[in-house]
Amino acid sequence: MNILETLQRIAATTQRLDMALVEIERERAARQRFEDAIVNQTGRLEVRVSEMRERLARLEASREADRSQMSAELARFQAEVERAEMRLTRFLPAQSEPRVLPDCEEEGSKHE
């Protein structure tokens, strides 16, 4: 093998190495773009998850507020019912037996 052939082989090898380095750099750049896209997408997803958690917390707080309001309204209604029952018991005379209206019994037997 002469010097010229050796130099040609070295030149060809150097050229192949240069091409391989260019390809490696292209792949590295593509990988970096892919990693950047993943980081960006992950960041957006984290923001959306955070927003959803905040919304869920607001909905739960709203539900608890509604539940408390309904409980308060129910308690007020029950108090009103109890007051109405107490007023009625004061107005009605004390009786040992419930009164039966005579007109209702007579009309009921006539219709049968």
N, C-alpha and C. Protein backbone atom coordinates (compact mmCIF):
# COMPACT_ATOMS: atom_id res chain seq x y z
N MET A 1 0.85 -1.15 0.00
CA MET A 1 0.00 0.00 0.00
C MET A 1 0.91 1.24 0.00
N ASN A 2 0.61 2.11 -0.89
CA ASN A 2 1.45 3.30 -0.97
C ASN A 2 0.87 4.45 -0.16
N ILE A 3 1.60 5.49 -0.08
CA ILE A 3 1.20 6.64 0.75
C ILE A 3 -0.08 7.27 0.21
N LEU A 4 -0.22 7.35 -1.08
CA LEU A 4 -1.42 7.95 -1.67
C LEU A 4 -2.66 7.18 -1.28
N GLU A 5 -2.63 5.87 -1.35
CA GLU A 5 -3.78 5.05 -0.94
C GLU A 5 -4.07 5.23 0.54
N THR A 6 -3.02 5.28 1.33
CA THR A 6 -3.21 5.47 2.77
C THR A 6 -3.85 6.82 3.05
N LEU A 7 -3.39 7.85 2.36
CA LEU A 7 -3.97 9.19 2.53
C LEU A 7 -5.43 9.21 2.06
N GLN A 8 -5.74 8.50 0.96
CA GLN A 8 -7.11 8.44 0.47
C GLN A 8 -8.01 7.73 1.49
N ARG A 9 -7.50 6.65 2.09
CA ARG A 9 -8.27 5.93 3.11
C ARG A 9 -8.48 6.81 4.34
N ILE A 10 -7.44 7.52 4.71
CA ILE A 10 -7.58 8.43 5.86
C ILE A 10 -8.58 9.53 5.54
N ALA A 11 -8.54 10.05 4.34
CA ALA A 11 -9.49 11.09 3.92
C ALA A 11 -10.91 10.55 3.89
N ALA A 12 -11.09 9.33 3.37
CA ALA A 12 -12.41 8.72 3.32
C ALA A 12 -12.92 8.46 4.73
N THR A 13 -12.04 7.98 5.59
CA THR A 13 -12.44 7.71 6.98
C THR A 13 -12.81 9.01 7.68
N THR A 14 -12.02 10.05 7.44
CA THR A 14 -12.31 11.36 8.04
C THR A 14 -13.64 11.89 7.55
N GLN A 15 -13.90 11.71 6.24
CA GLN A 15 -15.17 12.17 5.67
C GLN A 15 -16.34 11.40 6.30
N ARG A 16 -16.20 10.08 6.45
CA ARG A 16 -17.27 9.27 7.09
C ARG A 16 -17.47 9.71 8.53
N LEU A 17 -16.35 9.99 9.23
CA LEU A 17 -16.45 10.46 10.62
C LEU A 17 -17.16 11.81 10.68
N ASP A 18 -16.85 12.69 9.76
CA ASP A 18 -17.51 14.00 9.70
C ASP A 18 -19.02 13.83 9.46
N MET A 19 -19.37 12.94 8.53
CA MET A 19 -20.78 12.69 8.24
C MET A 19 -21.48 12.10 9.46
N ALA A 20 -20.78 11.19 10.15
CA ALA A 20 -21.35 10.59 11.35
C ALA A 20 -21.54 11.65 12.44
N LEU A 21 -20.57 12.55 12.57
CA LEU A 21 -20.69 13.62 13.56
C LEU A 21 -21.86 14.56 13.23
N VAL A 22 -22.04 14.87 11.94
CA VAL A 22 -23.16 15.71 11.52
C VAL A 22 -24.48 15.01 11.86
N GLU A 23 -24.56 13.73 11.58
CA GLU A 23 -25.78 12.96 11.89
C GLU A 23 -26.02 12.91 13.40
N ILE A 24 -24.94 12.71 14.15
CA ILE A 24 -25.07 12.70 15.62
C ILE A 24 -25.60 14.05 16.11
N GLU A 25 -25.07 15.13 15.54
CA GLU A 25 -25.52 16.48 15.94
C GLU A 25 -26.99 16.70 15.57
N ARG A 26 -27.40 16.21 14.40
CA ARG A 26 -28.82 16.30 14.01
C ARG A 26 -29.71 15.55 14.99
N GLU A 27 -29.28 14.36 15.33
CA GLU A 27 -30.05 13.55 16.29
C GLU A 27 -30.10 14.22 17.65
N ARG A 28 -28.98 14.80 18.06
CA ARG A 28 -28.94 15.49 19.35
C ARG A 28 -29.91 16.68 19.33
N ALA A 29 -29.92 17.43 18.23
CA ALA A 29 -30.82 18.58 18.12
C ALA A 29 -32.28 18.12 18.13
N ALA A 30 -32.57 17.03 17.41
CA ALA A 30 -33.94 16.50 17.38
C ALA A 30 -34.35 16.03 18.78
N ARG A 31 -33.44 15.37 19.47
CA ARG A 31 -33.74 14.91 20.84
C ARG A 31 -33.99 16.11 21.76
N GLN A 32 -33.20 17.15 21.59
CA GLN A 32 -33.37 18.35 22.42
C GLN A 32 -34.73 19.00 22.16
N ARG A 33 -35.12 19.08 20.88
CA ARG A 33 -36.46 19.62 20.55
C ARG A 33 -37.55 18.78 21.17
N PHE A 34 -37.39 17.45 21.10
CA PHE A 34 -38.37 16.55 21.69
C PHE A 34 -38.45 16.74 23.20
N GLU A 35 -37.28 16.85 23.85
CA GLU A 35 -37.26 17.06 25.31
C GLU A 35 -37.90 18.40 25.67
N ASP A 36 -37.61 19.43 24.89
CA ASP A 36 -38.22 20.74 25.14
C ASP A 36 -39.73 20.68 25.00
N ALA A 37 -40.20 19.97 23.97
CA ALA A 37 -41.65 19.83 23.78
C ALA A 37 -42.28 19.09 24.96
N ILE A 38 -41.61 18.07 25.44
CA ILE A 38 -42.13 17.32 26.59
C ILE A 38 -42.17 18.21 27.83
N VAL A 39 -41.12 18.99 28.05
CA VAL A 39 -41.09 19.89 29.21
C VAL A 39 -42.22 20.91 29.11
N ASN A 40 -42.41 21.48 27.92
CA ASN A 40 -43.49 22.46 27.73
C ASN A 40 -44.86 21.83 27.98
N GLN A 41 -45.07 20.66 27.42
CA GLN A 41 -46.35 19.98 27.59
C GLN A 41 -46.58 19.62 29.05
N THR A 42 -45.54 19.15 29.73
CA THR A 42 -45.65 18.81 31.14
C THR A 42 -46.00 20.05 31.96
N GLY A 43 -45.38 21.16 31.64
CA GLY A 43 -45.68 22.42 32.32
C GLY A 43 -47.13 22.82 32.13
N ARG A 44 -47.63 22.72 30.90
CA ARG A 44 -49.04 23.04 30.64
C ARG A 44 -49.97 22.11 31.39
N LEU A 45 -49.63 20.83 31.42
CA LEU A 45 -50.46 19.88 32.15
C LEU A 45 -50.47 20.17 33.64
N GLU A 46 -49.31 20.52 34.19
CA GLU A 46 -49.25 20.86 35.61
C GLU A 46 -50.12 22.07 35.93
N VAL A 47 -50.12 23.07 35.04
CA VAL A 47 -50.96 24.25 35.23
C VAL A 47 -52.43 23.85 35.21
N ARG A 48 -52.81 23.01 34.25
CA ARG A 48 -54.22 22.57 34.15
C ARG A 48 -54.64 21.77 35.37
N VAL A 49 -53.76 20.89 35.84
CA VAL A 49 -54.07 20.10 37.04
C VAL A 49 -54.24 21.02 38.23
N SER A 50 -53.39 22.02 38.35
CA SER A 50 -53.49 22.98 39.44
C SER A 50 -54.81 23.74 39.36
N GLU A 51 -55.18 24.17 38.16
CA GLU A 51 -56.45 24.87 37.97
C GLU A 51 -57.63 23.98 38.34
N MET A 52 -57.55 22.71 37.95
CA MET A 52 -58.64 21.78 38.27
C MET A 52 -58.73 21.55 39.78
N ARG A 53 -57.59 21.46 40.45
CA ARG A 53 -57.60 21.30 41.91
C ARG A 53 -58.24 22.51 42.57
N GLU A 54 -57.88 23.71 42.11
CA GLU A 54 -58.46 24.92 42.66
C GLU A 54 -59.97 24.95 42.42
N ARG A 55 -60.37 24.58 41.23
CA ARG A 55 -61.81 24.56 40.92
C ARG A 55 -62.54 23.55 41.80
N LEU A 56 -61.93 22.39 41.98
CA LEU A 56 -62.53 21.37 42.84
C LEU A 56 -62.65 21.88 44.27
N ALA A 57 -61.63 22.56 44.75
CA ALA A 57 -61.68 23.12 46.11
C ALA A 57 -62.80 24.15 46.22
N ARG A 58 -62.95 24.99 45.19
CA ARG A 58 -64.05 25.98 45.21
C ARG A 58 -65.40 25.30 45.18
N LEU A 59 -65.53 24.25 44.36
CA LEU A 59 -66.80 23.52 44.29
C LEU A 59 -67.13 22.86 45.62
N GLU A 60 -66.12 22.26 46.26
CA GLU A 60 -66.35 21.63 47.56
C GLU A 60 -66.75 22.66 48.60
N ALA A 61 -66.09 23.82 48.59
CA ALA A 61 -66.44 24.89 49.53
C ALA A 61 -67.86 25.38 49.28
N SER A 62 -68.21 25.51 48.02
CA SER A 62 -69.56 25.95 47.66
C SER A 62 -70.59 24.92 48.11
N ARG A 63 -70.26 23.65 47.92
CA ARG A 63 -71.18 22.58 48.34
C ARG A 63 -71.37 22.62 49.86
N GLU A 64 -70.28 22.80 50.59
CA GLU A 64 -70.37 22.87 52.05
C GLU A 64 -71.18 24.09 52.48
N ALA A 65 -71.00 25.21 51.80
CA ALA A 65 -71.78 26.42 52.12
C ALA A 65 -73.26 26.18 51.84
N ASP A 66 -73.57 25.55 50.72
CA ASP A 66 -74.96 25.23 50.40
C ASP A 66 -75.55 24.29 51.44
N ARG A 67 -74.78 23.29 51.83
CA ARG A 67 -75.24 22.33 52.83
C ARG A 67 -75.50 23.04 54.16
N SER A 68 -74.62 23.93 54.56
CA SER A 68 -74.80 24.68 55.80
C SER A 68 -76.03 25.57 55.72
N GLN A 69 -76.21 26.22 54.58
CA GLN A 69 -77.37 27.09 54.41
C GLN A 69 -78.67 26.27 54.47
N MET A 70 -78.68 25.11 53.83
CA MET A 70 -79.88 24.27 53.86
C MET A 70 -80.13 23.77 55.27
N SER A 71 -79.10 23.42 56.01
CA SER A 71 -79.26 22.97 57.39
C SER A 71 -79.83 24.10 58.24
N ALA A 72 -79.34 25.31 58.04
CA ALA A 72 -79.85 26.46 58.79
C ALA A 72 -81.31 26.72 58.45
N GLU A 73 -81.65 26.65 57.17
CA GLU A 73 -83.05 26.85 56.77
C GLU A 73 -83.95 25.76 57.34
N LEU A 74 -83.48 24.53 57.36
CA LEU A 74 -84.25 23.44 57.93
C LEU A 74 -84.44 23.65 59.43
N ALA A 75 -83.41 24.09 60.12
CA ALA A 75 -83.52 24.35 61.55
C ALA A 75 -84.52 25.47 61.81
N ARG A 76 -84.47 26.54 60.98
CA ARG A 76 -85.46 27.62 61.14
C ARG A 76 -86.87 27.10 60.90
N PHE A 77 -87.04 26.28 59.89
CA PHE A 77 -88.37 25.73 59.60
C PHE A 77 -88.86 24.86 60.76
N GLN A 78 -87.98 24.03 61.28
CA GLN A 78 -88.37 23.18 62.42
C GLN A 78 -88.73 24.03 63.63
N ALA A 79 -88.01 25.12 63.87
CA ALA A 79 -88.33 26.02 64.97
C ALA A 79 -89.69 26.66 64.75
N GLU A 80 -89.98 27.05 63.51
CA GLU A 80 -91.30 27.63 63.18
C GLU A 80 -92.41 26.62 63.43
N VAL A 81 -92.17 25.38 63.03
CA VAL A 81 -93.18 24.34 63.25
C VAL A 81 -93.42 24.15 64.75
N GLU A 82 -92.34 24.10 65.53
CA GLU A 82 -92.48 23.93 66.97
C GLU A 82 -93.22 25.11 67.60
N ARG A 83 -92.92 26.33 67.16
CA ARG A 83 -93.64 27.50 67.69
C ARG A 83 -95.10 27.45 67.32
N ALA A 84 -95.38 27.04 66.08
CA ALA A 84 -96.79 26.94 65.66
C ALA A 84 -97.51 25.88 66.48
N GLU A 85 -96.86 24.76 66.75
CA GLU A 85 -97.49 23.72 67.57
C GLU A 85 -97.75 24.24 68.98
N MET A 86 -96.81 24.99 69.54
CA MET A 86 -97.00 25.53 70.88
C MET A 86 -98.15 26.53 70.91
N ARG A 87 -98.27 27.38 69.88
CA ARG A 87 -99.39 28.33 69.82
C ARG A 87 -100.71 27.60 69.72
N LEU A 88 -100.72 26.54 68.91
CA LEU A 88 -101.97 25.77 68.77
C LEU A 88 -102.35 25.10 70.08
N THR A 89 -101.39 24.54 70.78
CA THR A 89 -101.73 23.87 72.04
C THR A 89 -102.21 24.87 73.08
N ARG A 90 -101.78 26.12 73.04
CA ARG A 90 -102.28 27.13 73.97
C ARG A 90 -103.72 27.52 73.65
N PHE A 91 -104.05 27.55 72.36
CA PHE A 91 -105.40 27.96 71.96
C PHE A 91 -106.43 26.84 72.12
N LEU A 92 -106.03 25.62 71.95
CA LEU A 92 -106.97 24.51 72.07
C LEU A 92 -107.15 24.14 73.53
N PRO A 93 -108.38 23.83 73.92
CA PRO A 93 -108.59 23.41 75.31
C PRO A 93 -107.99 22.03 75.52
N ALA A 94 -107.55 21.78 76.75
CA ALA A 94 -106.98 20.47 77.07
C ALA A 94 -108.09 19.44 77.01
N GLN A 95 -107.87 18.35 76.30
CA GLN A 95 -108.87 17.30 76.15
C GLN A 95 -108.21 15.95 76.39
N SER A 96 -108.97 15.06 77.01
CA SER A 96 -108.44 13.72 77.21
C SER A 96 -108.64 12.87 75.97
N GLU A 97 -109.72 13.13 75.22
CA GLU A 97 -110.00 12.38 73.99
C GLU A 97 -110.08 13.37 72.83
N PRO A 98 -109.76 12.93 71.67
CA PRO A 98 -109.92 13.84 70.53
C PRO A 98 -111.39 14.06 70.24
N ARG A 99 -111.72 15.27 69.86
CA ARG A 99 -113.12 15.59 69.55
C ARG A 99 -113.50 15.01 68.20
N VAL A 100 -114.72 14.56 68.10
CA VAL A 100 -115.25 14.08 66.83
C VAL A 100 -116.36 15.02 66.45
N LEU A 101 -116.29 15.52 65.26
CA LEU A 101 -117.34 16.43 64.81
C LEU A 101 -118.59 15.62 64.47
N PRO A 102 -119.71 15.96 65.09
CA PRO A 102 -120.93 15.18 64.85
C PRO A 102 -121.42 15.28 63.42
N ASP A 103 -121.28 16.41 62.79
CA ASP A 103 -121.77 16.57 61.43
C ASP A 103 -121.04 15.61 60.46
N CYS A 104 -119.79 15.40 60.70
CA CYS A 104 -119.01 14.55 59.79
C CYS A 104 -119.45 13.10 59.93
N GLU A 105 -119.76 12.64 61.14
CA GLU A 105 -120.18 11.25 61.31
C GLU A 105 -121.53 11.01 60.68
N GLU A 106 -122.46 11.93 60.87
CA GLU A 106 -123.80 11.77 60.29
C GLU A 106 -123.77 11.81 58.80
N GLU A 107 -123.02 12.73 58.24
CA GLU A 107 -122.95 12.81 56.77
C GLU A 107 -122.28 11.58 56.20
N GLY A 108 -121.29 11.04 56.91
CA GLY A 108 -120.59 9.85 56.44
C GLY A 108 -121.50 8.66 56.42
N SER A 109 -122.40 8.51 57.40
CA SER A 109 -123.30 7.35 57.41
C SER A 109 -124.42 7.52 56.40
N LYS A 110 -124.84 8.75 56.11
CA LYS A 110 -125.88 8.96 55.12
C LYS A 110 -125.42 8.64 53.72
N HIS A 111 -124.18 8.88 53.45
CA HIS A 111 -123.67 8.66 52.10
C HIS A 111 -123.39 7.19 51.81
N GLU A 112 -123.26 6.38 52.81
CA GLU A 112 -122.92 4.99 52.57
C GLU A 112 -124.08 4.16 52.20
